């Protein structure tokens, strides 16, 4: 049993939702796909916390287009409420705009589910904002 599968909130949510995630990866992460196109990687973080992570979009290959997209999302990110739990990050080669959100180690299944719902809503909004829907 890996790191992600030890999280009580995750386990309670999976039982209640009758979901069977794919096999846990070697790094302890799980993948759950919602609505056929919302792929959420749930991976272990420090102190027993978990992190939701999903792809918003790949950055355009043309540097000027990528810069415009990043300026637009950065401007929008600074206008959001500081209470929003999700955060943007860049990853990989080719570069991808990702969304992440942390879940506390002691989150109940209700808190886990609410956090996941908020994350999926934020992911949909970010994908719409970037034209990735």
N, C-alpha and C. Protein backbone atom coordinates (compact mmCIF):
# COMPACT_ATOMS: atom_id res chain seq x y z
N UNK A 1 0.85 -1.18 0.00
CA UNK A 1 0.00 0.00 0.00
C UNK A 1 0.89 1.23 0.00
N UNK A 2 0.70 2.13 -0.97
CA UNK A 2 1.54 3.30 -1.11
C UNK A 2 1.04 4.49 -0.32
N UNK A 3 1.72 5.61 -0.52
CA UNK A 3 1.44 6.82 0.25
C UNK A 3 0.04 7.38 0.02
N UNK A 4 -0.41 7.45 -1.23
CA UNK A 4 -1.73 8.03 -1.50
C UNK A 4 -2.83 7.18 -0.90
N UNK A 5 -2.69 5.88 -1.01
CA UNK A 5 -3.77 5.00 -0.56
C UNK A 5 -3.89 4.94 0.95
N UNK A 6 -2.98 5.53 1.68
CA UNK A 6 -3.07 5.57 3.14
C UNK A 6 -3.89 6.76 3.65
N UNK A 7 -4.25 7.66 2.78
CA UNK A 7 -4.98 8.87 3.17
C UNK A 7 -6.43 8.50 3.44
N UNK A 8 -6.88 8.68 4.69
CA UNK A 8 -8.22 8.25 5.10
C UNK A 8 -9.32 8.97 4.31
N UNK A 9 -9.16 10.27 4.06
CA UNK A 9 -10.16 11.01 3.30
C UNK A 9 -10.32 10.48 1.89
N UNK A 10 -9.20 10.17 1.25
CA UNK A 10 -9.23 9.58 -0.10
C UNK A 10 -9.92 8.23 -0.08
N UNK A 11 -9.56 7.40 0.87
CA UNK A 11 -10.16 6.06 0.94
C UNK A 11 -11.66 6.13 1.18
N UNK A 12 -12.08 7.01 2.07
CA UNK A 12 -13.51 7.18 2.33
C UNK A 12 -14.24 7.67 1.10
N UNK A 13 -13.64 8.60 0.38
CA UNK A 13 -14.26 9.12 -0.84
C UNK A 13 -14.38 8.02 -1.89
N UNK A 14 -13.34 7.24 -2.10
CA UNK A 14 -13.36 6.17 -3.11
C UNK A 14 -14.44 5.14 -2.78
N UNK A 15 -14.57 4.80 -1.51
CA UNK A 15 -15.60 3.84 -1.10
C UNK A 15 -17.00 4.39 -1.36
N UNK A 16 -17.23 5.62 -0.92
CA UNK A 16 -18.55 6.23 -1.06
C UNK A 16 -18.93 6.43 -2.53
N UNK A 17 -17.95 6.84 -3.34
CA UNK A 17 -18.22 7.11 -4.76
C UNK A 17 -18.16 5.84 -5.61
N UNK A 18 -17.79 4.73 -4.98
CA UNK A 18 -17.66 3.45 -5.68
C UNK A 18 -16.75 3.57 -6.90
N UNK A 19 -15.62 4.25 -6.67
CA UNK A 19 -14.63 4.44 -7.73
C UNK A 19 -13.49 3.47 -7.53
N UNK A 20 -12.99 2.99 -8.61
CA UNK A 20 -11.81 2.13 -8.59
C UNK A 20 -10.73 2.83 -9.41
N UNK A 21 -9.80 3.51 -8.73
CA UNK A 21 -8.75 4.19 -9.49
C UNK A 21 -7.84 3.16 -10.15
N UNK A 22 -7.06 3.63 -11.09
CA UNK A 22 -6.08 2.74 -11.70
C UNK A 22 -5.07 2.31 -10.65
N UNK A 23 -4.19 1.43 -11.03
CA UNK A 23 -3.17 0.95 -10.10
C UNK A 23 -2.31 2.11 -9.62
N UNK A 24 -1.92 2.04 -8.36
CA UNK A 24 -1.05 3.06 -7.81
C UNK A 24 0.30 2.98 -8.52
N UNK A 25 0.84 4.13 -8.87
CA UNK A 25 2.12 4.17 -9.56
C UNK A 25 3.26 3.95 -8.58
N UNK A 26 4.45 3.73 -9.11
CA UNK A 26 5.63 3.48 -8.27
C UNK A 26 5.91 4.66 -7.32
N UNK A 27 5.53 5.87 -7.73
CA UNK A 27 5.77 7.05 -6.88
C UNK A 27 4.66 7.27 -5.86
N UNK A 28 3.69 6.35 -5.78
CA UNK A 28 2.60 6.44 -4.80
C UNK A 28 1.40 7.22 -5.29
N UNK A 29 1.41 7.66 -6.54
CA UNK A 29 0.31 8.48 -7.07
C UNK A 29 -0.79 7.60 -7.66
N UNK A 30 -1.99 8.15 -7.66
CA UNK A 30 -3.16 7.52 -8.27
C UNK A 30 -3.70 8.45 -9.35
N UNK A 31 -4.39 7.88 -10.34
CA UNK A 31 -5.02 8.68 -11.38
C UNK A 31 -6.51 8.34 -11.40
N UNK A 32 -7.34 9.39 -11.40
CA UNK A 32 -8.79 9.22 -11.54
C UNK A 32 -9.22 10.11 -12.70
N UNK A 33 -10.06 9.57 -13.59
CA UNK A 33 -10.55 10.32 -14.73
C UNK A 33 -12.04 10.58 -14.54
N UNK A 34 -12.43 11.85 -14.69
CA UNK A 34 -13.83 12.26 -14.56
C UNK A 34 -14.34 12.71 -15.91
N UNK A 35 -15.55 12.32 -16.25
CA UNK A 35 -16.20 12.73 -17.50
C UNK A 35 -15.37 12.44 -18.74
N UNK A 36 -14.49 11.47 -18.66
CA UNK A 36 -13.71 11.06 -19.81
C UNK A 36 -12.57 11.98 -20.21
N UNK A 37 -12.53 13.21 -19.67
CA UNK A 37 -11.47 14.12 -20.08
C UNK A 37 -10.83 14.92 -18.96
N UNK A 38 -11.29 14.75 -17.74
CA UNK A 38 -10.69 15.45 -16.60
C UNK A 38 -9.84 14.44 -15.82
N UNK A 39 -8.59 14.37 -16.17
CA UNK A 39 -7.65 13.41 -15.56
C UNK A 39 -6.97 14.10 -14.38
N UNK A 40 -7.16 13.52 -13.20
CA UNK A 40 -6.59 14.10 -11.98
C UNK A 40 -5.56 13.12 -11.41
N UNK A 41 -4.35 13.59 -11.31
CA UNK A 41 -3.28 12.84 -10.65
C UNK A 41 -3.33 13.23 -9.18
N UNK A 42 -3.39 12.24 -8.32
CA UNK A 42 -3.40 12.48 -6.87
C UNK A 42 -2.10 11.89 -6.35
N UNK A 43 -1.19 12.78 -5.96
CA UNK A 43 0.11 12.26 -5.53
C UNK A 43 0.45 12.71 -4.12
N UNK A 44 1.29 11.92 -3.45
CA UNK A 44 1.65 12.23 -2.07
C UNK A 44 2.53 13.47 -1.99
N UNK A 45 2.34 14.20 -0.90
CA UNK A 45 3.16 15.38 -0.60
C UNK A 45 3.71 15.21 0.81
N UNK A 46 4.40 16.18 1.30
CA UNK A 46 4.98 16.12 2.63
C UNK A 46 3.95 16.02 3.74
N UNK A 47 4.34 15.41 4.83
CA UNK A 47 3.53 15.28 6.05
C UNK A 47 2.20 14.57 5.85
N UNK A 48 2.12 13.70 4.86
CA UNK A 48 0.90 12.93 4.63
C UNK A 48 -0.16 13.63 3.81
N UNK A 49 0.11 14.87 3.39
CA UNK A 49 -0.84 15.58 2.54
C UNK A 49 -0.86 14.94 1.15
N UNK A 50 -1.88 15.29 0.37
CA UNK A 50 -1.98 14.87 -1.02
C UNK A 50 -2.06 16.12 -1.89
N UNK A 51 -1.73 15.97 -3.16
CA UNK A 51 -1.85 17.06 -4.11
C UNK A 51 -2.63 16.57 -5.32
N UNK A 52 -3.67 17.32 -5.69
CA UNK A 52 -4.38 17.09 -6.96
C UNK A 52 -3.58 17.82 -8.02
N UNK A 53 -3.43 17.21 -9.20
CA UNK A 53 -2.73 17.87 -10.29
C UNK A 53 -3.36 17.48 -11.61
N UNK A 54 -3.58 18.48 -12.49
CA UNK A 54 -4.15 18.22 -13.81
C UNK A 54 -3.57 19.19 -14.82
N UNK A 55 -3.57 18.75 -16.06
CA UNK A 55 -3.13 19.57 -17.17
C UNK A 55 -4.24 20.55 -17.56
N UNK A 56 -3.89 21.81 -17.64
CA UNK A 56 -4.82 22.81 -18.18
C UNK A 56 -4.63 22.84 -19.69
N UNK A 57 -3.40 23.08 -20.13
CA UNK A 57 -3.11 23.10 -21.57
C UNK A 57 -1.60 23.06 -21.79
N UNK A 58 -1.22 22.64 -22.98
CA UNK A 58 0.17 22.75 -23.40
C UNK A 58 0.38 24.18 -23.88
N UNK A 59 1.53 24.75 -23.59
CA UNK A 59 1.81 26.09 -24.07
C UNK A 59 2.08 26.05 -25.57
N UNK A 60 1.67 27.10 -26.27
CA UNK A 60 1.95 27.16 -27.71
C UNK A 60 3.45 27.09 -27.98
N UNK A 61 3.82 26.48 -29.08
CA UNK A 61 5.23 26.36 -29.44
C UNK A 61 5.85 27.72 -29.76
N UNK A 62 5.08 28.61 -30.32
CA UNK A 62 5.55 29.95 -30.65
C UNK A 62 5.71 30.75 -29.35
N UNK A 63 6.91 31.17 -29.04
CA UNK A 63 7.22 31.81 -27.77
C UNK A 63 6.34 33.04 -27.52
N UNK A 64 6.07 33.86 -28.52
CA UNK A 64 5.26 35.05 -28.31
C UNK A 64 3.82 34.67 -27.93
N UNK A 65 3.29 33.62 -28.53
CA UNK A 65 1.94 33.15 -28.17
C UNK A 65 1.92 32.58 -26.76
N UNK A 66 2.97 31.84 -26.40
CA UNK A 66 3.06 31.30 -25.04
C UNK A 66 3.14 32.43 -24.02
N UNK A 67 3.93 33.46 -24.34
CA UNK A 67 4.05 34.60 -23.42
C UNK A 67 2.72 35.31 -23.23
N UNK A 68 1.97 35.50 -24.32
CA UNK A 68 0.66 36.15 -24.21
C UNK A 68 -0.29 35.33 -23.34
N UNK A 69 -0.29 34.02 -23.53
CA UNK A 69 -1.15 33.14 -22.72
C UNK A 69 -0.75 33.24 -21.25
N UNK A 70 0.54 33.17 -20.96
CA UNK A 70 1.01 33.23 -19.57
C UNK A 70 0.69 34.59 -18.93
N UNK A 71 0.83 35.66 -19.68
CA UNK A 71 0.48 36.99 -19.16
C UNK A 71 -1.01 37.05 -18.83
N UNK A 72 -1.83 36.49 -19.69
CA UNK A 72 -3.28 36.50 -19.47
C UNK A 72 -3.66 35.71 -18.22
N UNK A 73 -3.13 34.50 -18.07
CA UNK A 73 -3.49 33.69 -16.89
C UNK A 73 -2.89 34.28 -15.62
N UNK A 74 -1.70 34.86 -15.71
CA UNK A 74 -1.10 35.49 -14.53
C UNK A 74 -1.93 36.68 -14.08
N UNK A 75 -2.40 37.48 -15.02
CA UNK A 75 -3.24 38.63 -14.69
C UNK A 75 -4.53 38.16 -14.00
N UNK A 76 -5.14 37.13 -14.56
CA UNK A 76 -6.38 36.60 -13.97
C UNK A 76 -6.10 36.01 -12.58
N UNK A 77 -4.99 35.31 -12.44
CA UNK A 77 -4.66 34.69 -11.15
C UNK A 77 -4.49 35.74 -10.06
N UNK A 78 -3.94 36.90 -10.40
CA UNK A 78 -3.74 37.94 -9.38
C UNK A 78 -5.05 38.63 -9.00
N UNK A 79 -6.07 38.51 -9.84
CA UNK A 79 -7.36 39.13 -9.56
C UNK A 79 -8.30 38.23 -8.75
N UNK A 80 -7.91 36.98 -8.57
CA UNK A 80 -8.76 36.04 -7.85
C UNK A 80 -8.66 36.24 -6.35
N UNK A 81 -9.63 35.71 -5.64
CA UNK A 81 -9.62 35.76 -4.19
C UNK A 81 -8.44 34.94 -3.64
N UNK A 82 -7.76 35.45 -2.62
CA UNK A 82 -6.68 34.68 -2.01
C UNK A 82 -7.18 33.39 -1.35
N UNK A 83 -8.48 33.26 -1.18
CA UNK A 83 -9.05 32.07 -0.56
C UNK A 83 -9.11 30.89 -1.53
N UNK A 84 -8.91 31.14 -2.82
CA UNK A 84 -8.92 30.05 -3.81
C UNK A 84 -7.78 29.09 -3.48
N UNK A 85 -8.07 27.80 -3.43
CA UNK A 85 -7.08 26.81 -3.00
C UNK A 85 -6.18 26.32 -4.13
N UNK A 86 -6.63 26.46 -5.38
CA UNK A 86 -5.84 25.94 -6.49
C UNK A 86 -4.74 26.92 -6.88
N UNK A 87 -3.67 26.38 -7.47
CA UNK A 87 -2.59 27.24 -7.94
C UNK A 87 -2.06 26.73 -9.28
N UNK A 88 -1.55 27.66 -10.05
CA UNK A 88 -1.01 27.36 -11.37
C UNK A 88 0.47 27.04 -11.26
N UNK A 89 0.95 26.17 -12.16
CA UNK A 89 2.38 25.90 -12.23
C UNK A 89 2.74 25.49 -13.66
N UNK A 90 4.01 25.59 -13.98
CA UNK A 90 4.52 25.15 -15.28
C UNK A 90 5.32 23.88 -15.08
N UNK A 91 5.24 23.00 -16.08
CA UNK A 91 5.97 21.74 -15.97
C UNK A 91 6.36 21.25 -17.35
N UNK A 92 7.46 20.55 -17.38
CA UNK A 92 7.82 19.72 -18.51
C UNK A 92 8.40 20.36 -19.74
N UNK A 93 8.69 19.49 -20.64
CA UNK A 93 9.19 19.85 -21.96
C UNK A 93 8.46 18.97 -22.94
N UNK A 94 7.55 19.40 -23.77
CA UNK A 94 7.19 20.80 -23.94
C UNK A 94 6.47 21.34 -22.71
N UNK A 95 6.53 22.63 -22.54
CA UNK A 95 5.95 23.25 -21.36
C UNK A 95 4.44 23.10 -21.32
N UNK A 96 3.96 22.82 -20.13
CA UNK A 96 2.52 22.65 -19.90
C UNK A 96 2.10 23.51 -18.71
N UNK A 97 0.91 24.08 -18.83
CA UNK A 97 0.32 24.82 -17.72
C UNK A 97 -0.51 23.83 -16.92
N UNK A 98 -0.19 23.70 -15.65
CA UNK A 98 -0.82 22.73 -14.77
C UNK A 98 -1.58 23.44 -13.66
N UNK A 99 -2.53 22.72 -13.07
CA UNK A 99 -3.26 23.20 -11.91
C UNK A 99 -3.01 22.23 -10.77
N UNK A 100 -2.75 22.77 -9.59
CA UNK A 100 -2.52 21.94 -8.41
C UNK A 100 -3.34 22.46 -7.24
N UNK A 101 -3.63 21.54 -6.32
CA UNK A 101 -4.31 21.91 -5.07
C UNK A 101 -3.93 20.89 -4.01
N UNK A 102 -3.59 21.38 -2.85
CA UNK A 102 -3.16 20.52 -1.74
C UNK A 102 -4.35 20.10 -0.88
N UNK A 103 -4.30 18.88 -0.36
CA UNK A 103 -5.32 18.33 0.54
C UNK A 103 -4.60 17.94 1.82
N UNK A 104 -5.08 18.42 2.95
CA UNK A 104 -4.44 18.14 4.24
C UNK A 104 -4.48 16.66 4.58
N UNK A 105 -3.49 16.21 5.30
CA UNK A 105 -3.39 14.80 5.68
C UNK A 105 -4.56 14.34 6.53
N UNK A 106 -5.15 15.25 7.29
CA UNK A 106 -6.25 14.88 8.18
C UNK A 106 -7.63 15.21 7.60
N UNK A 107 -7.69 15.48 6.29
CA UNK A 107 -8.97 15.80 5.65
C UNK A 107 -9.89 14.58 5.71
N UNK A 108 -11.14 14.81 6.09
CA UNK A 108 -12.14 13.74 6.11
C UNK A 108 -12.55 13.43 4.67
N UNK A 109 -13.33 12.39 4.50
CA UNK A 109 -13.81 12.07 3.14
C UNK A 109 -14.70 13.19 2.61
N UNK A 110 -15.48 13.84 3.48
CA UNK A 110 -16.30 14.98 3.05
C UNK A 110 -15.42 16.15 2.60
N UNK A 111 -14.39 16.44 3.38
CA UNK A 111 -13.47 17.52 3.02
C UNK A 111 -12.71 17.19 1.74
N UNK A 112 -12.31 15.93 1.61
CA UNK A 112 -11.61 15.50 0.40
C UNK A 112 -12.52 15.69 -0.81
N UNK A 113 -13.76 15.24 -0.70
CA UNK A 113 -14.71 15.35 -1.81
C UNK A 113 -15.00 16.81 -2.17
N UNK A 114 -15.17 17.65 -1.16
CA UNK A 114 -15.41 19.07 -1.42
C UNK A 114 -14.20 19.71 -2.10
N UNK A 115 -13.01 19.37 -1.64
CA UNK A 115 -11.80 19.89 -2.25
C UNK A 115 -11.65 19.43 -3.69
N UNK A 116 -11.96 18.17 -3.94
CA UNK A 116 -11.89 17.63 -5.29
C UNK A 116 -12.91 18.31 -6.20
N UNK A 117 -14.11 18.53 -5.69
CA UNK A 117 -15.13 19.23 -6.47
C UNK A 117 -14.70 20.64 -6.83
N UNK A 118 -14.12 21.34 -5.85
CA UNK A 118 -13.61 22.70 -6.11
C UNK A 118 -12.49 22.66 -7.14
N UNK A 119 -11.63 21.66 -7.03
CA UNK A 119 -10.52 21.54 -7.97
C UNK A 119 -11.03 21.29 -9.40
N UNK A 120 -11.99 20.38 -9.55
CA UNK A 120 -12.54 20.09 -10.88
C UNK A 120 -13.23 21.31 -11.47
N UNK A 121 -13.94 22.07 -10.64
CA UNK A 121 -14.56 23.31 -11.12
C UNK A 121 -13.51 24.32 -11.56
N UNK A 122 -12.46 24.46 -10.76
CA UNK A 122 -11.38 25.39 -11.12
C UNK A 122 -10.69 24.94 -12.41
N UNK A 123 -10.47 23.64 -12.55
CA UNK A 123 -9.84 23.11 -13.75
C UNK A 123 -10.67 23.44 -14.99
N UNK A 124 -11.97 23.26 -14.88
CA UNK A 124 -12.86 23.56 -16.01
C UNK A 124 -12.81 25.05 -16.35
N UNK A 125 -12.81 25.91 -15.32
CA UNK A 125 -12.74 27.36 -15.56
C UNK A 125 -11.41 27.75 -16.23
N UNK A 126 -10.30 27.18 -15.74
CA UNK A 126 -8.99 27.51 -16.32
C UNK A 126 -8.91 27.00 -17.77
N UNK A 127 -9.44 25.82 -18.02
CA UNK A 127 -9.42 25.30 -19.39
C UNK A 127 -10.26 26.19 -20.31
N UNK A 128 -11.40 26.65 -19.83
CA UNK A 128 -12.22 27.56 -20.64
C UNK A 128 -11.48 28.88 -20.87
N UNK A 129 -10.83 29.39 -19.85
CA UNK A 129 -10.11 30.67 -19.98
C UNK A 129 -8.98 30.56 -20.98
N UNK A 130 -8.33 29.40 -21.07
CA UNK A 130 -7.20 29.24 -21.99
C UNK A 130 -7.62 28.69 -23.34
N UNK A 131 -8.91 28.40 -23.51
CA UNK A 131 -9.39 27.85 -24.77
C UNK A 131 -9.09 26.37 -24.94
N UNK A 132 -8.81 25.69 -23.84
CA UNK A 132 -8.44 24.27 -23.90
C UNK A 132 -9.63 23.33 -23.75
N UNK A 133 -10.84 23.85 -23.63
CA UNK A 133 -12.02 22.97 -23.49
C UNK A 133 -12.42 22.37 -24.81
